[in-house]
Structures are given as C-alpha cells and as structure tokens.
Amino acid sequence: MTQAPLHPLDQALKLEPAGEHRYVGHTSQAYWNMIGPFGGATAAVMLQAALVHPERLGDPIALTVNFAGPIGEGDFEVEARPSRTNRSTQHWHLELRQNGEVTTTGSAVFAVRRQTWNSGEAVMPQVPAAESLPVMSGFAPVKWLGSYDIRAVRGAKPTTAPGTENPDSLSQFWIRDEPARTPDYASMAAWCDAFYPRIFLKRAGFVPAGTVSLTTYFHADAATLAAVGDSHVLGCAQARVFRQGFFDQSAEIWSASGELLATSHQIVYYKE
C-alpha cells in the first residue's frame, strides 16, 4: 500500500533525534522567505522539538522566539530542554543552531489545562465569509505564501501611493494551510507570523524590516483546534507605534465560529 506523502508543513517540521534534548531538521523551500526560512516556520519547528520531546507535559500555552541571526538552506539542530517541571506547568529552553552558530533562541511554557470558569472579553470582528473573497496573490519572490490560502478582508497589500502613509496598519484576512490541514499548535505558531511587517502597509511600500522577537499565546486546547478542521481562520494584525527603528505588531487568530485561538506580539526592526 502506497503511503500518502507528508503535508508540506509536516515535512518542514520533521525532526530526527540527535542525542539528549537535541533534534536535527532541514529547511523547507515551501516555507522560504526572501533570504531565509519564513519566521513562522522557524517558530513552529522550535515548538515542535518540545512537542515531540518524551518528557513533555501538557500542551503549549506560550512560546517566545528570538531571531538572533540568519538561517541558511540546509540542516540545523534544535535543542529543546525542559528547565523545570511542576505539577501542572513545564518551562522549556529552546535553541536553534546551524554550522555551530546560534541563530535562534526561545522559551516555551506548557501546561495541563483543566475545566474552570471561562469568560471572554475580546470580540471577533464582523467580516465577510472566507468563501466570498478571492484568494490573495503573493509577493514575489516570497515562496512561503504559496503554502497558504489567504483571503483578504482589508490590508492585503499597500494601496496608497509610495511616499504617503495609510491611516492605520490594520490587516484582516482569512487563512488556512494549502493544501488544507487540520491545525495544531505548530501550525498556529506559524499562522501568528503570517502577516507581512506592518510598516509596509503604514508607509505604503517596502521597507527593510525583520522580526527580532515573537511571543505567541495559545488559548485553545487540542480538541478546539481539531474542531476547526480544514476551515479558514481569521487573522488580524496591527501595530501600535513605530519609533527609533523598531515597531510592535500584535495579532489575533480566530476560528470561523468565533473562538479566539491565539494571540501574538512581536517587536520588529526596520531601516529607512
């Protein structure tokens, strides 16, 4: 019986044990950015190393990834080491190295979720259904956008003439993996970085920029993610301030049924 090929994301997340707390992976052209891997794919593979670790406790509730240096095409090594395990929480040290150099550092917190009183104050934006919107075209030569089905509500690409500014940096779009794939924590980690830098929209054009640090908070359990199936999720992203070479970027990921699945915050370097 012929085995079905791995989904491109699962192929990108494939890790082989390489000693205590260490795994070896390989960069994926399907998730390639202009000069290196898409940051969301790097965040996902670092989380994956903790997800497959035999000492894992519970599910991730927080992930921080710091992009310290470039990653080239080829093999890399990820270290995922549990720093402390408590009764219901577990803290992780993460590090990605290539050719003996540290390119990415990070940390994660896992937890055993339990049934408690719940309340949500965030409200999902009212937007057109994904099926009513066209698929967004990509930005050449950014390959990783081809790994997603993205349908923009607003803020798809800068539309103001270069040299002027848009009134805000808000983007809203529906997104799912392409081919469609039921989400898990690794794919959500990637989704949270699937927004182009907010300065592109604010300044209405390309500005050299790159994420320095990205923190993602996971608000859904595994059953909630499984219920999403192959539906699109709604992503929203906006900056609050651009100042002295850095800006922030906050994002929300919503299920089509109105569940807030994840939020993220990142600090981004830019150069004029």
Protein backbone atom coordinates (compact mmCIF):
# COMPACT_ATOMS: atom_id res chain seq x y z
CA MET A 1 0.00 0.00 0.00
CA THR A 2 1.45 3.37 -1.03
CA GLN A 3 1.91 5.77 1.87
CA ALA A 4 0.41 9.22 1.37
CA PRO A 5 3.03 11.97 1.08
CA LEU A 6 3.57 14.20 4.10
CA HIS A 7 1.87 17.57 4.09
CA PRO A 8 4.48 20.27 3.29
CA LEU A 9 4.21 21.63 6.83
CA ASP A 10 4.71 18.20 8.38
CA GLN A 11 7.74 17.75 6.12
CA ALA A 12 9.13 21.11 7.29
CA LEU A 13 8.54 20.08 10.92
CA LYS A 14 10.21 16.67 10.55
CA LEU A 15 12.86 16.23 13.25
CA GLU A 16 15.22 13.33 13.90
CA PRO A 17 16.61 12.66 17.40
CA ALA A 18 20.30 13.55 17.65
CA GLY A 19 21.11 12.96 21.31
CA GLU A 20 19.67 14.05 24.64
CA HIS A 21 17.33 17.04 24.12
CA ARG A 22 18.61 17.51 20.54
CA TYR A 23 16.99 17.09 17.13
CA VAL A 24 18.11 17.60 13.54
CA GLY A 25 15.87 19.16 10.90
CA HIS A 26 16.18 20.59 7.40
CA THR A 27 14.94 23.87 5.95
CA SER A 28 11.98 23.71 3.56
CA GLN A 29 11.71 25.54 0.24
CA ALA A 30 7.92 25.52 0.68
CA TYR A 31 8.36 27.94 3.60
CA TRP A 32 11.19 30.02 2.19
CA ASN A 33 11.18 33.81 2.54
CA MET A 34 13.33 36.19 0.51
CA ILE A 35 16.70 35.27 2.06
CA GLY A 36 15.88 32.50 4.54
CA PRO A 37 13.09 30.49 6.14
CA PHE A 38 9.76 32.17 6.92
CA GLY A 39 9.91 33.18 10.59
CA GLY A 40 6.65 31.40 11.36
CA ALA A 41 8.11 28.11 10.13
CA THR A 42 11.15 28.61 12.36
CA ALA A 43 8.90 29.29 15.36
CA ALA A 44 6.86 26.19 14.51
CA VAL A 45 9.87 23.88 14.25
CA MET A 46 11.27 25.11 17.59
CA LEU A 47 7.93 24.42 19.25
CA GLN A 48 7.79 21.05 17.50
CA ALA A 49 11.01 19.99 19.23
CA ALA A 50 9.28 20.40 22.59
CA LEU A 51 6.04 18.85 21.34
CA VAL A 52 7.78 15.60 20.35
CA HIS A 53 10.09 15.50 23.39
CA PRO A 54 9.49 12.39 25.55
CA GLU A 55 9.42 14.50 28.74
CA ARG A 56 6.68 16.82 27.50
CA LEU A 57 3.92 17.70 29.98
CA GLY A 58 0.60 19.04 28.69
CA ASP A 59 0.19 21.46 25.79
CA PRO A 60 1.84 24.80 24.99
CA ILE A 61 0.34 28.00 26.40
CA ALA A 62 3.19 30.37 25.48
CA LEU A 63 6.09 30.47 23.03
CA THR A 64 8.77 33.13 22.64
CA VAL A 65 11.22 33.05 19.72
CA ASN A 66 14.14 35.46 19.33
CA PHE A 67 15.62 35.71 15.85
CA ALA A 68 19.32 36.25 16.55
CA GLY A 69 20.84 35.58 13.13
CA PRO A 70 20.16 34.28 9.62
CA ILE A 71 19.38 30.64 8.82
CA GLY A 72 20.75 29.26 5.57
CA GLU A 73 19.44 26.44 3.45
CA GLY A 74 20.26 23.01 4.83
CA ASP A 75 20.41 21.09 8.10
CA PHE A 76 20.02 22.66 11.52
CA GLU A 77 19.92 21.41 15.10
CA VAL A 78 17.26 22.28 17.69
CA GLU A 79 17.78 21.85 21.41
CA ALA A 80 14.59 21.59 23.49
CA ARG A 81 15.40 21.20 27.17
CA PRO A 82 12.82 21.21 29.99
CA SER A 83 14.16 23.72 32.53
CA ARG A 84 11.62 22.95 35.24
CA THR A 85 8.57 20.72 35.52
CA ASN A 86 5.93 21.48 38.12
CA ARG A 87 2.69 19.64 38.83
CA SER A 88 0.75 21.38 36.03
CA THR A 89 3.26 23.60 34.21
CA GLN A 90 6.53 22.96 32.40
CA HIS A 91 9.14 25.51 31.30
CA TRP A 92 11.38 24.98 28.25
CA HIS A 93 14.66 26.34 26.93
CA LEU A 94 14.85 26.30 23.11
CA GLU A 95 17.80 26.95 20.82
CA LEU A 96 18.39 26.50 17.09
CA ARG A 97 21.93 26.19 15.75
CA GLN A 98 23.35 25.90 12.26
CA ASN A 99 27.01 25.23 11.44
CA GLY A 100 27.87 25.58 15.11
CA GLU A 101 26.33 29.04 15.48
CA VAL A 102 23.20 30.01 17.40
CA THR A 103 20.65 31.53 15.02
CA THR A 104 17.51 31.46 17.16
CA THR A 105 16.76 31.30 20.88
CA GLY A 106 13.48 30.83 22.65
CA SER A 107 11.42 29.58 25.53
CA ALA A 108 8.07 27.90 25.94
CA VAL A 109 5.61 27.17 28.71
CA PHE A 110 3.45 24.05 28.61
CA ALA A 111 0.54 23.33 30.94
CA VAL A 112 -2.10 20.76 31.78
CA ARG A 113 -5.40 22.52 31.04
CA ARG A 114 -8.39 21.91 33.30
CA GLN A 115 -12.07 22.78 33.30
CA THR A 116 -12.69 26.13 35.02
CA TRP A 117 -14.95 29.16 34.87
CA ASN A 118 -14.46 30.85 31.49
CA SER A 119 -15.08 34.36 30.17
CA GLY A 120 -14.00 36.18 27.02
CA GLU A 121 -13.89 39.95 26.55
CA ALA A 122 -12.36 40.03 23.07
CA VAL A 123 -14.92 40.10 20.26
CA MET A 124 -14.33 38.65 16.81
CA PRO A 125 -14.60 41.30 14.06
CA GLN A 126 -17.63 41.13 11.77
CA VAL A 127 -16.19 40.29 8.35
CA PRO A 128 -17.36 38.64 5.10
CA ALA A 129 -17.10 34.85 4.94
CA ALA A 130 -13.89 33.41 3.52
CA GLU A 131 -15.77 31.74 0.66
CA SER A 132 -16.98 35.13 -0.57
CA LEU A 133 -13.46 36.53 -1.03
CA PRO A 134 -10.81 35.83 -3.68
CA VAL A 135 -7.51 34.15 -2.89
CA MET A 136 -4.81 36.75 -2.31
CA SER A 137 -1.85 36.73 -4.68
CA GLY A 138 1.66 36.52 -3.28
CA PHE A 139 4.67 38.79 -3.16
CA ALA A 140 7.49 37.63 -5.46
CA PRO A 141 9.96 36.15 -4.57
CA VAL A 142 8.33 35.11 -1.26
CA LYS A 143 7.68 31.36 -1.65
CA TRP A 144 6.05 30.62 1.69
CA LEU A 145 2.85 32.47 0.78
CA GLY A 146 2.13 29.64 -1.67
CA SER A 147 1.78 27.32 1.34
CA TYR A 148 -1.32 29.21 2.49
CA ASP A 149 -4.78 30.02 1.17
CA ILE A 150 -5.20 33.68 2.19
CA ARG A 151 -8.32 35.74 1.54
CA ALA A 152 -8.02 39.39 2.48
CA VAL A 153 -10.79 41.42 4.11
CA ARG A 154 -8.64 44.55 4.34
CA GLY A 155 -4.96 45.47 4.33
CA ALA A 156 -3.99 42.82 1.77
CA LYS A 157 -1.26 44.93 0.22
CA PRO A 158 -0.27 48.60 0.39
CA THR A 159 -2.57 50.61 -1.90
CA THR A 160 -1.54 54.18 -1.13
CA ALA A 161 0.97 55.82 -3.47
CA PRO A 162 4.60 55.48 -2.33
CA GLY A 163 5.76 58.43 -0.27
CA THR A 164 2.44 58.72 1.57
CA GLU A 165 1.02 56.90 4.58
CA ASN A 166 -2.05 54.81 5.24
CA PRO A 167 -4.15 55.97 8.21
CA ASP A 168 -3.59 52.68 10.04
CA SER A 169 -1.68 49.40 9.77
CA LEU A 170 -4.61 47.01 10.26
CA SER A 171 -4.87 43.85 8.17
CA GLN A 172 -7.63 41.26 8.40
CA PHE A 173 -7.59 38.09 6.36
CA TRP A 174 -8.80 34.52 6.37
CA ILE A 175 -6.04 31.92 6.24
CA ARG A 176 -5.60 28.15 6.16
CA ASP A 177 -2.80 25.82 5.16
CA GLU A 178 -2.51 24.89 1.48
CA PRO A 179 -3.24 22.03 1.00
CA ALA A 180 -5.86 22.27 3.76
CA ARG A 181 -4.72 20.75 7.06
CA THR A 182 -6.36 20.48 10.48
CA PRO A 183 -4.46 22.91 12.71
CA ASP A 184 -2.29 22.00 15.65
CA TYR A 185 -0.06 24.08 17.91
CA ALA A 186 2.83 24.15 15.45
CA SER A 187 0.67 25.41 12.59
CA MET A 188 -0.82 28.08 14.86
CA ALA A 189 2.68 29.23 15.79
CA ALA A 190 3.33 29.72 12.07
CA TRP A 191 -0.02 31.46 11.44
CA CYS A 192 0.80 34.06 14.08
CA ASP A 193 3.72 35.25 11.93
CA ALA A 194 1.85 35.12 8.61
CA PHE A 195 1.38 38.91 8.48
CA TYR A 196 3.82 40.99 6.46
CA PRO A 197 5.55 43.75 8.51
CA ARG A 198 3.05 46.45 9.44
CA ILE A 199 5.38 49.18 8.24
CA PHE A 200 4.83 48.00 4.65
CA LEU A 201 1.16 48.96 5.00
CA LYS A 202 1.68 52.09 7.06
CA ARG A 203 4.35 53.51 4.74
CA ALA A 204 2.66 52.10 1.61
CA GLY A 205 5.71 50.29 0.28
CA PHE A 206 8.63 48.01 1.00
CA VAL A 207 10.87 48.97 3.94
CA PRO A 208 13.74 46.73 5.08
CA ALA A 209 12.41 45.07 8.23
CA GLY A 210 12.67 41.85 10.22
CA THR A 211 11.20 40.34 13.38
CA VAL A 212 13.51 40.41 16.40
CA SER A 213 11.31 38.68 18.96
CA LEU A 214 7.89 36.99 18.70
CA THR A 215 5.71 35.76 21.56
CA THR A 216 2.60 33.69 20.95
CA TYR A 217 -0.08 32.79 23.49
CA PHE A 218 -2.24 29.73 22.81
CA HIS A 219 -5.83 29.97 24.10
CA ALA A 220 -7.29 26.76 22.66
CA ASP A 221 -6.96 23.15 23.69
CA ALA A 222 -6.26 20.36 21.21
CA ALA A 223 -9.96 19.47 20.86
CA THR A 224 -10.83 23.06 19.90
CA LEU A 225 -8.12 23.05 17.23
CA ALA A 226 -9.29 19.69 15.89
CA ALA A 227 -12.83 21.11 15.55
CA VAL A 228 -11.52 23.79 13.17
CA GLY A 229 -10.86 21.06 10.61
CA ASP A 230 -9.99 22.44 7.19
CA SER A 231 -11.86 25.73 7.70
CA HIS A 232 -10.16 29.10 7.36
CA VAL A 233 -9.30 31.07 10.49
CA LEU A 234 -9.42 34.85 10.72
CA GLY A 235 -6.14 36.66 11.34
CA CYS A 236 -5.96 40.31 12.42
CA ALA A 237 -2.75 42.30 12.88
CA GLN A 238 -1.90 45.91 13.71
CA ALA A 239 0.98 47.97 15.06
CA ARG A 240 0.71 50.48 17.90
CA VAL A 241 3.87 52.54 17.47
CA PHE A 242 6.77 52.95 15.04
CA ARG A 243 9.73 54.60 16.77
CA GLN A 244 13.53 54.77 16.57
CA GLY A 245 13.97 51.78 14.30
CA PHE A 246 11.51 49.37 15.92
CA PHE A 247 7.78 48.78 15.91
CA ASP A 248 5.43 46.40 17.65
CA GLN A 249 2.94 44.13 15.90
CA SER A 250 0.00 42.43 17.63
CA ALA A 251 -2.13 39.68 16.12
CA GLU A 252 -5.22 37.62 16.84
CA ILE A 253 -6.27 34.27 15.34
CA TRP A 254 -10.00 33.44 15.43
CA SER A 255 -11.87 30.32 14.39
CA ALA A 256 -14.78 30.81 12.00
CA SER A 257 -17.12 30.01 14.91
CA GLY A 258 -15.74 32.92 16.96
CA GLU A 259 -13.25 31.18 19.26
CA LEU A 260 -10.09 33.17 19.98
CA LEU A 261 -7.40 30.56 19.29
CA ALA A 262 -4.18 32.53 19.77
CA THR A 263 -2.73 36.00 20.20
CA SER A 264 0.80 37.16 19.46
CA HIS A 265 3.05 40.15 19.97
CA GLN A 266 6.32 40.88 18.24
CA ILE A 267 8.96 43.58 18.04
CA VAL A 268 10.28 44.31 14.55
CA TYR A 269 13.40 46.11 13.37
CA TYR A 270 13.12 48.49 10.42
CA LYS A 271 15.57 50.59 8.46
CA GLU A 272 14.75 53.70 6.48
